[in-house]
Structures are given as C-alpha cells and as structure tokens.
Amino acid sequence: MQKIKEFLEGVRKEMKKVSWPNQQELIDNTIIVVVFTIIITSFIFGIDQVYSTVLEAIYSFGGTT
C-alpha cells in the first residue's frame, strides 16, 4: 500500500509541473488539428478514387474473356 501512496504522490508532484495551455492556445491548436485532418482525409480520399478508377478500368479490359 505504501508503494501505491508514493506513486500517487509522485504523480501529483509531476502534474504540478505541467504547463497547461490557456483557452486561446487550446482553440488555436484544435483548429489546426481539424484543418489538417480534413486536408489529409481529402488527400487519401482522392488517392483512393484514382486507384479505384484505374483498377476498374483494368478489370473491365481483362474481364471479358
């Protein structure tokens, strides 16, 4: 039980050292994450559409035997 108590005390001390963002920093960082998520998702969707179109064309030529 003593080790658990020491661990929790250590956690409490370390949490006091954490530099928490203020509200404006949190809002700015959230906007950045959302924008980059949309950009990367759009990029992956575009690549997927290109691959799907190419594979569909390949299969349509090779499938009529």
PDB file of N, CA and C in Angstrom:
ATOM      1  N   MET A   1       0.829  -1.198   0.000  1.00  0.00           N
ATOM      2  CA  MET A   1       0.000   0.000   0.000  1.00  0.00           C
ATOM      3  C   MET A   1       0.870   1.257   0.000  1.00  0.00           C
ATOM      4  N   GLN A   2       2.033   1.167   0.624  1.00  0.00           N
ATOM      5  CA  GLN A   2       2.938   2.306   0.698  1.00  0.00           C
ATOM      6  C   GLN A   2       3.444   2.688  -0.693  1.00  0.00           C
ATOM      7  N   LYS A   3       3.722   1.685  -1.542  1.00  0.00           N
ATOM      8  CA  LYS A   3       4.222   1.968  -2.897  1.00  0.00           C
ATOM      9  C   LYS A   3       3.167   2.694  -3.731  1.00  0.00           C
ATOM     10  N   ILE A   4       1.917   2.321  -3.566  1.00  0.00           N
ATOM     11  CA  ILE A   4       0.834   3.000  -4.287  1.00  0.00           C
ATOM     12  C   ILE A   4       0.742   4.449  -3.828  1.00  0.00           C
ATOM     13  N   LYS A   5       0.865   4.669  -2.533  1.00  0.00           N
ATOM     14  CA  LYS A   5       0.805   6.012  -1.973  1.00  0.00           C
ATOM     15  C   LYS A   5       1.948   6.871  -2.514  1.00  0.00           C
ATOM     16  N   GLU A   6       3.165   6.291  -2.580  1.00  0.00           N
ATOM     17  CA  GLU A   6       4.326   7.006  -3.114  1.00  0.00           C
ATOM     18  C   GLU A   6       4.144   7.321  -4.600  1.00  0.00           C
ATOM     19  N   PHE A   7       3.598   6.361  -5.323  1.00  0.00           N
ATOM     20  CA  PHE A   7       3.361   6.570  -6.754  1.00  0.00           C
ATOM     21  C   PHE A   7       2.392   7.733  -6.980  1.00  0.00           C
ATOM     22  N   LEU A   8       1.284   7.727  -6.254  1.00  0.00           N
ATOM     23  CA  LEU A   8       0.281   8.784  -6.416  1.00  0.00           C
ATOM     24  C   LEU A   8       0.843  10.138  -5.998  1.00  0.00           C
ATOM     25  N   GLU A   9       1.678  10.164  -4.979  1.00  0.00           N
ATOM     26  CA  GLU A   9       2.311  11.409  -4.556  1.00  0.00           C
ATOM     27  C   GLU A   9       3.240  11.925  -5.660  1.00  0.00           C
ATOM     28  N   GLY A  10       3.987  11.004  -6.293  1.00  0.00           N
ATOM     29  CA  GLY A  10       4.856  11.382  -7.412  1.00  0.00           C
ATOM     30  C   GLY A  10       4.060  11.918  -8.587  1.00  0.00           C
ATOM     31  N   VAL A  11       2.934  11.287  -8.879  1.00  0.00           N
ATOM     32  CA  VAL A  11       2.076  11.754  -9.966  1.00  0.00           C
ATOM     33  C   VAL A  11       1.566  13.157  -9.664  1.00  0.00           C
ATOM     34  N   ARG A  12       1.157  13.391  -8.440  1.00  0.00           N
ATOM     35  CA  ARG A  12       0.647  14.704  -8.051  1.00  0.00           C
ATOM     36  C   ARG A  12       1.728  15.783  -8.205  1.00  0.00           C
ATOM     37  N   LYS A  13       2.947  15.464  -7.805  1.00  0.00           N
ATOM     38  CA  LYS A  13       4.046  16.427  -7.937  1.00  0.00           C
ATOM     39  C   LYS A  13       4.337  16.732  -9.403  1.00  0.00           C
ATOM     40  N   GLU A  14       4.345  15.694 -10.242  1.00  0.00           N
ATOM     41  CA  GLU A  14       4.636  15.896 -11.668  1.00  0.00           C
ATOM     42  C   GLU A  14       3.525  16.687 -12.360  1.00  0.00           C
ATOM     43  N   MET A  15       2.280  16.460 -11.963  1.00  0.00           N
ATOM     44  CA  MET A  15       1.161  17.186 -12.571  1.00  0.00           C
ATOM     45  C   MET A  15       1.238  18.680 -12.275  1.00  0.00           C
ATOM     46  N   LYS A  16       1.847  19.049 -11.143  1.00  0.00           N
ATOM     47  CA  LYS A  16       2.017  20.466 -10.828  1.00  0.00           C
ATOM     48  C   LYS A  16       3.029  21.128 -11.760  1.00  0.00           C
ATOM     49  N   LYS A  17       3.935  20.336 -12.326  1.00  0.00           N
ATOM     50  CA  LYS A  17       4.964  20.863 -13.219  1.00  0.00           C
ATOM     51  C   LYS A  17       4.464  21.067 -14.650  1.00  0.00           C
ATOM     52  N   VAL A  18       3.318  20.482 -14.972  1.00  0.00           N
ATOM     53  CA  VAL A  18       2.796  20.529 -16.342  1.00  0.00           C
ATOM     54  C   VAL A  18       2.393  21.959 -16.699  1.00  0.00           C
ATOM     55  N   SER A  19       2.765  22.373 -17.898  1.00  0.00           N
ATOM     56  CA  SER A  19       2.379  23.694 -18.397  1.00  0.00           C
ATOM     57  C   SER A  19       1.105  23.522 -19.231  1.00  0.00           C
ATOM     58  N   TRP A  20      -0.023  23.852 -18.654  1.00  0.00           N
ATOM     59  CA  TRP A  20      -1.304  23.670 -19.332  1.00  0.00           C
ATOM     60  C   TRP A  20      -1.564  24.846 -20.272  1.00  0.00           C
ATOM     61  N   PRO A  21      -2.134  24.588 -21.461  1.00  0.00           N
ATOM     62  CA  PRO A  21      -2.426  25.690 -22.389  1.00  0.00           C
ATOM     63  C   PRO A  21      -3.596  26.528 -21.891  1.00  0.00           C
ATOM     64  N   ASN A  22      -3.569  27.825 -22.272  1.00  0.00           N
ATOM     65  CA  ASN A  22      -4.729  28.647 -21.933  1.00  0.00           C
ATOM     66  C   ASN A  22      -5.825  28.395 -22.973  1.00  0.00           C
ATOM     67  N   GLN A  23      -6.962  29.032 -22.805  1.00  0.00           N
ATOM     68  CA  GLN A  23      -8.113  28.738 -23.662  1.00  0.00           C
ATOM     69  C   GLN A  23      -7.836  29.079 -25.128  1.00  0.00           C
ATOM     70  N   GLN A  24      -7.157  30.191 -25.391  1.00  0.00           N
ATOM     71  CA  GLN A  24      -6.905  30.590 -26.775  1.00  0.00           C
ATOM     72  C   GLN A  24      -5.934  29.622 -27.454  1.00  0.00           C
ATOM     73  N   GLU A  25      -4.919  29.180 -26.740  1.00  0.00           N
ATOM     74  CA  GLU A  25      -3.988  28.198 -27.306  1.00  0.00           C
ATOM     75  C   GLU A  25      -4.711  26.892 -27.617  1.00  0.00           C
ATOM     76  N   LEU A  26      -5.598  26.494 -26.739  1.00  0.00           N
ATOM     77  CA  LEU A  26      -6.368  25.267 -26.942  1.00  0.00           C
ATOM     78  C   LEU A  26      -7.254  25.378 -28.181  1.00  0.00           C
ATOM     79  N   ILE A  27      -7.917  26.514 -28.348  1.00  0.00           N
ATOM     80  CA  ILE A  27      -8.779  26.738 -29.515  1.00  0.00           C
ATOM     81  C   ILE A  27      -7.940  26.730 -30.796  1.00  0.00           C
ATOM     82  N   ASP A  28      -6.801  27.450 -30.782  1.00  0.00           N
ATOM     83  CA  ASP A  28      -5.934  27.508 -31.962  1.00  0.00           C
ATOM     84  C   ASP A  28      -5.427  26.116 -32.349  1.00  0.00           C
ATOM     85  N   ASN A  29      -4.962  25.358 -31.359  1.00  0.00           N
ATOM     86  CA  ASN A  29      -4.441  24.016 -31.648  1.00  0.00           C
ATOM     87  C   ASN A  29      -5.539  23.077 -32.147  1.00  0.00           C
ATOM     88  N   THR A  30      -6.742  23.223 -31.606  1.00  0.00           N
ATOM     89  CA  THR A  30      -7.862  22.396 -32.058  1.00  0.00           C
ATOM     90  C   THR A  30      -8.199  22.706 -33.514  1.00  0.00           C
ATOM     91  N   ILE A  31      -8.201  23.979 -33.879  1.00  0.00           N
ATOM     92  CA  ILE A  31      -8.477  24.371 -35.269  1.00  0.00           C
ATOM     93  C   ILE A  31      -7.418  23.791 -36.198  1.00  0.00           C
ATOM     94  N   ILE A  32      -6.150  23.867 -35.791  1.00  0.00           N
ATOM     95  CA  ILE A  32      -5.068  23.327 -36.618  1.00  0.00           C
ATOM     96  C   ILE A  32      -5.258  21.827 -36.834  1.00  0.00           C
ATOM     97  N   VAL A  33      -5.581  21.106 -35.777  1.00  0.00           N
ATOM     98  CA  VAL A  33      -5.770  19.654 -35.887  1.00  0.00           C
ATOM     99  C   VAL A  33      -6.945  19.331 -36.806  1.00  0.00           C
ATOM    100  N   VAL A  34      -8.052  20.036 -36.663  1.00  0.00           N
ATOM    101  CA  VAL A  34      -9.233  19.778 -37.501  1.00  0.00           C
ATOM    102  C   VAL A  34      -8.924  20.071 -38.969  1.00  0.00           C
ATOM    103  N   VAL A  35      -8.248  21.200 -39.246  1.00  0.00           N
ATOM    104  CA  VAL A  35      -7.926  21.565 -40.632  1.00  0.00           C
ATOM    105  C   VAL A  35      -7.009  20.514 -41.263  1.00  0.00           C
ATOM    106  N   PHE A  36      -5.950  20.120 -40.563  1.00  0.00           N
ATOM    107  CA  PHE A  36      -5.040  19.122 -41.119  1.00  0.00           C
ATOM    108  C   PHE A  36      -5.723  17.766 -41.277  1.00  0.00           C
ATOM    109  N   THR A  37      -6.632  17.426 -40.376  1.00  0.00           N
ATOM    110  CA  THR A  37      -7.377  16.181 -40.514  1.00  0.00           C
ATOM    111  C   THR A  37      -8.224  16.206 -41.777  1.00  0.00           C
ATOM    112  N   ILE A  38      -8.875  17.320 -42.054  1.00  0.00           N
ATOM    113  CA  ILE A  38      -9.684  17.453 -43.265  1.00  0.00           C
ATOM    114  C   ILE A  38      -8.797  17.375 -44.507  1.00  0.00           C
ATOM    115  N   ILE A  39      -7.641  18.038 -44.480  1.00  0.00           N
ATOM    116  CA  ILE A  39      -6.732  18.014 -45.630  1.00  0.00           C
ATOM    117  C   ILE A  39      -6.232  16.603 -45.905  1.00  0.00           C
ATOM    118  N   ILE A  40      -5.768  15.916 -44.876  1.00  0.00           N
ATOM    119  CA  ILE A  40      -5.230  14.561 -45.066  1.00  0.00           C
ATOM    120  C   ILE A  40      -6.336  13.601 -45.488  1.00  0.00           C
ATOM    121  N   THR A  41      -7.517  13.740 -44.897  1.00  0.00           N
ATOM    122  CA  THR A  41      -8.645  12.882 -45.288  1.00  0.00           C
ATOM    123  C   THR A  41      -9.013  13.102 -46.748  1.00  0.00           C
ATOM    124  N   SER A  42      -9.030  14.350 -47.194  1.00  0.00           N
ATOM    125  CA  SER A  42      -9.338  14.650 -48.593  1.00  0.00           C
ATOM    126  C   SER A  42      -8.279  14.070 -49.524  1.00  0.00           C
ATOM    127  N   PHE A  43      -7.014  14.165 -49.134  1.00  0.00           N
ATOM    128  CA  PHE A  43      -5.931  13.609 -49.938  1.00  0.00           C
ATOM    129  C   PHE A  43      -6.071  12.099 -50.075  1.00  0.00           C
ATOM    130  N   ILE A  44      -6.307  11.405 -48.969  1.00  0.00           N
ATOM    131  CA  ILE A  44      -6.462   9.953 -49.003  1.00  0.00           C
ATOM    132  C   ILE A  44      -7.695   9.571 -49.817  1.00  0.00           C
ATOM    133  N   PHE A  45      -8.776  10.315 -49.682  1.00  0.00           N
ATOM    134  CA  PHE A  45      -9.978  10.041 -50.472  1.00  0.00           C
ATOM    135  C   PHE A  45      -9.688  10.203 -51.965  1.00  0.00           C
ATOM    136  N   GLY A  46      -8.961  11.259 -52.328  1.00  0.00           N
ATOM    137  CA  GLY A  46      -8.624  11.485 -53.733  1.00  0.00           C
ATOM    138  C   GLY A  46      -7.766  10.368 -54.296  1.00  0.00           C
ATOM    139  N   ILE A  47      -6.754   9.946 -53.549  1.00  0.00           N
ATOM    140  CA  ILE A  47      -5.902   8.838 -53.997  1.00  0.00           C
ATOM    141  C   ILE A  47      -6.728   7.567 -54.140  1.00  0.00           C
ATOM    142  N   ASP A  48      -7.623   7.317 -53.207  1.00  0.00           N
ATOM    143  CA  ASP A  48      -8.472   6.126 -53.268  1.00  0.00           C
ATOM    144  C   ASP A  48      -9.361   6.161 -54.511  1.00  0.00           C
ATOM    145  N   GLN A  49      -9.888   7.313 -54.844  1.00  0.00           N
ATOM    146  CA  GLN A  49     -10.729   7.430 -56.033  1.00  0.00           C
ATOM    147  C   GLN A  49      -9.924   7.169 -57.305  1.00  0.00           C
ATOM    148  N   VAL A  50      -8.697   7.679 -57.356  1.00  0.00           N
ATOM    149  CA  VAL A  50      -7.846   7.440 -58.523  1.00  0.00           C
ATOM    150  C   VAL A  50      -7.548   5.958 -58.653  1.00  0.00           C
ATOM    151  N   TYR A  51      -7.142   5.311 -57.554  1.00  0.00           N
ATOM    152  CA  TYR A  51      -6.856   3.874 -57.598  1.00  0.00           C
ATOM    153  C   TYR A  51      -8.096   3.080 -58.004  1.00  0.00           C
ATOM    154  N   SER A  52      -9.244   3.442 -57.472  1.00  0.00           N
ATOM    155  CA  SER A  52     -10.481   2.726 -57.814  1.00  0.00           C
ATOM    156  C   SER A  52     -10.784   2.851 -59.302  1.00  0.00           C
ATOM    157  N   THR A  53     -10.618   4.045 -59.838  1.00  0.00           N
ATOM    158  CA  THR A  53     -10.881   4.265 -61.258  1.00  0.00           C
ATOM    159  C   THR A  53      -9.917   3.468 -62.127  1.00  0.00           C
ATOM    160  N   VAL A  54      -8.633   3.490 -61.765  1.00  0.00           N
ATOM    161  CA  VAL A  54      -7.628   2.750 -62.532  1.00  0.00           C
ATOM    162  C   VAL A  54      -7.901   1.254 -62.468  1.00  0.00           C
ATOM    163  N   LEU A  55      -8.163   0.729 -61.288  1.00  0.00           N
ATOM    164  CA  LEU A  55      -8.426  -0.710 -61.155  1.00  0.00           C
ATOM    165  C   LEU A  55      -9.713  -1.109 -61.873  1.00  0.00           C
ATOM    166  N   GLU A  56     -10.718  -0.264 -61.822  1.00  0.00           N
ATOM    167  CA  GLU A  56     -11.956  -0.563 -62.533  1.00  0.00           C
ATOM    168  C   GLU A  56     -11.714  -0.636 -64.043  1.00  0.00           C
ATOM    169  N   ALA A  57     -10.879   0.269 -64.543  1.00  0.00           N
ATOM    170  CA  ALA A  57     -10.548   0.243 -65.975  1.00  0.00           C
ATOM    171  C   ALA A  57      -9.766  -1.006 -66.318  1.00  0.00           C
ATOM    172  N   ILE A  58      -8.820  -1.385 -65.475  1.00  0.00           N
ATOM    173  CA  ILE A  58      -8.040  -2.609 -65.731  1.00  0.00           C
ATOM    174  C   ILE A  58      -8.934  -3.835 -65.713  1.00  0.00           C
ATOM    175  N   TYR A  59      -9.805  -3.935 -64.736  1.00  0.00           N
ATOM    176  CA  TYR A  59     -10.692  -5.095 -64.643  1.00  0.00           C
ATOM    177  C   TYR A  59     -11.695  -5.152 -65.783  1.00  0.00           C
ATOM    178  N   SER A  60     -12.138  -4.013 -66.274  1.00  0.00           N
ATOM    179  CA  SER A  60     -13.118  -4.027 -67.360  1.00  0.00           C
ATOM    180  C   SER A  60     -12.471  -4.495 -68.651  1.00  0.00           C
ATOM    181  N   PHE A  61     -11.178  -4.203 -68.861  1.00  0.00           N
ATOM    182  CA  PHE A  61     -10.495  -4.700 -70.067  1.00  0.00           C
ATOM    183  C   PHE A  61     -10.161  -6.172 -69.961  1.00  0.00           C
ATOM    184  N   GLY A  62      -9.772  -6.644 -68.809  1.00  0.00           N
ATOM    185  CA  GLY A  62      -9.340  -8.031 -68.634  1.00  0.00           C
ATOM    186  C   GLY A  62     -10.456  -8.990 -68.323  1.00  0.00           C
ATOM    187  N   GLY A  63     -11.613  -8.512 -67.956  1.00  0.00           N
ATOM    188  CA  GLY A  63     -12.681  -9.396 -67.516  1.00  0.00           C
ATOM    189  C   GLY A  63     -13.516 -10.013 -68.627  1.00  0.00           C
ATOM    190  N   THR A  64     -13.437  -9.542 -69.860  1.00  0.00           N
ATOM    191  CA  THR A  64     -14.257 -10.055 -70.953  1.00  0.00           C
ATOM    192  C   THR A  64     -13.447 -11.077 -71.748  1.00  0.00           C
ATOM    193  N   THR A  65     -13.508 -12.329 -71.315  1.00  0.00           N
ATOM    194  CA  THR A  65     -12.745 -13.381 -71.997  1.00  0.00           C
ATOM    195  C   THR A  65     -13.663 -14.277 -72.776  1.00  0.00           C
TER     196      THR A  65
END
